[in-house]
Amino acid sequence: MQDPKITMPELALLVVTRVALGFGIGLLVSRAMNNDERKAAGIALTVMGGITTIPLAIKFARQRRGTEHQMAPSAAA
């Protein structure tokens, strides 16, 4: 099985979404700010990180599935 190719911009986007998700979760469990500010920032970052991950996951799954189909032997051969 061949690994899908990931470009540097895609990798950077993936890293940024993971950081936003982690930072948002960290804000939700921390006590650094007052409750209203902390919850608003934490929820916003968590939602943004989670939502932006979905298209990336779909893209990488399709890319991986495409490489597996290309490598499968054809029935006509």
Protein backbone atom coordinates (compact mmCIF):
# COMPACT_ATOMS: atom_id res chain seq x y z
CA MET A 1 0.00 0.00 0.00
CA GLN A 2 1.29 3.42 -0.98
CA ASP A 3 1.00 6.39 1.40
CA PRO A 4 -1.00 9.35 0.11
CA LYS A 5 1.01 12.42 -0.84
CA ILE A 6 0.52 15.39 1.48
CA THR A 7 1.69 18.80 0.33
CA MET A 8 3.25 21.33 2.72
CA PRO A 9 0.18 23.63 2.66
CA GLU A 10 -2.07 20.66 3.49
CA LEU A 11 0.24 19.62 6.31
CA ALA A 12 0.32 23.17 7.67
CA LEU A 13 -3.47 23.37 7.56
CA LEU A 14 -3.75 20.04 9.35
CA VAL A 15 -1.35 21.20 12.06
CA VAL A 16 -3.15 24.52 12.53
CA THR A 17 -6.52 22.80 12.93
CA ARG A 18 -5.09 20.38 15.50
CA VAL A 19 -3.52 23.28 17.42
CA ALA A 20 -6.79 25.23 17.43
CA LEU A 21 -8.71 22.20 18.63
CA GLY A 22 -6.19 21.46 21.38
CA PHE A 23 -5.95 25.07 22.48
CA GLY A 24 -9.74 25.36 22.59
CA ILE A 25 -10.04 22.26 24.75
CA GLY A 26 -7.24 23.59 26.96
CA LEU A 27 -9.12 26.85 27.47
CA LEU A 28 -12.27 24.98 28.37
CA VAL A 29 -10.51 23.11 31.18
CA SER A 30 -8.25 25.93 32.41
CA ARG A 31 -8.88 28.61 35.01
CA ALA A 32 -6.74 31.39 33.40
CA MET A 33 -9.66 33.71 32.48
CA ASN A 34 -13.07 34.40 33.89
CA ASN A 35 -15.70 31.82 33.03
CA ASP A 36 -17.52 33.73 30.28
CA GLU A 37 -14.35 34.66 28.34
CA ARG A 38 -12.83 31.22 28.77
CA LYS A 39 -15.94 29.38 27.63
CA ALA A 40 -16.49 31.65 24.62
CA ALA A 41 -12.89 31.33 23.41
CA GLY A 42 -12.70 27.62 24.17
CA ILE A 43 -15.91 26.75 22.40
CA ALA A 44 -15.04 28.90 19.38
CA LEU A 45 -11.60 27.33 18.97
CA THR A 46 -12.87 23.80 19.57
CA VAL A 47 -15.68 24.15 17.04
CA MET A 48 -13.41 25.81 14.48
CA GLY A 49 -10.75 23.12 14.90
CA GLY A 50 -13.27 20.31 14.67
CA ILE A 51 -15.18 21.69 11.69
CA THR A 52 -12.07 22.46 9.64
CA THR A 53 -10.77 18.95 10.24
CA ILE A 54 -13.75 17.29 8.53
CA PRO A 55 -12.94 18.40 4.93
CA LEU A 56 -9.29 17.45 5.43
CA ALA A 57 -10.21 13.99 6.69
CA ILE A 58 -12.55 13.46 3.74
CA LYS A 59 -9.87 14.60 1.28
CA PHE A 60 -7.22 12.30 2.74
CA ALA A 61 -9.64 9.36 2.87
CA ARG A 62 -10.57 9.85 -0.79
CA GLN A 63 -6.92 10.23 -1.73
CA ARG A 64 -6.02 7.02 0.09
CA ARG A 65 -8.94 5.14 -1.44
CA GLY A 66 -7.87 6.36 -4.90
CA THR A 67 -4.35 4.99 -4.50
CA GLU A 68 -5.71 1.62 -3.35
CA HIS A 69 -8.00 1.40 -6.41
CA GLN A 70 -5.12 2.27 -8.75
CA MET A 71 -2.97 -0.49 -7.26
CA ALA A 72 -5.68 -3.21 -7.44
CA PRO A 73 -5.23 -5.70 -10.27
CA SER A 74 -7.82 -5.34 -13.00
CA ALA A 75 -10.21 -8.20 -13.80
CA ALA A 76 -9.69 -7.73 -17.56
CA ALA A 77 -5.98 -8.55 -17.41
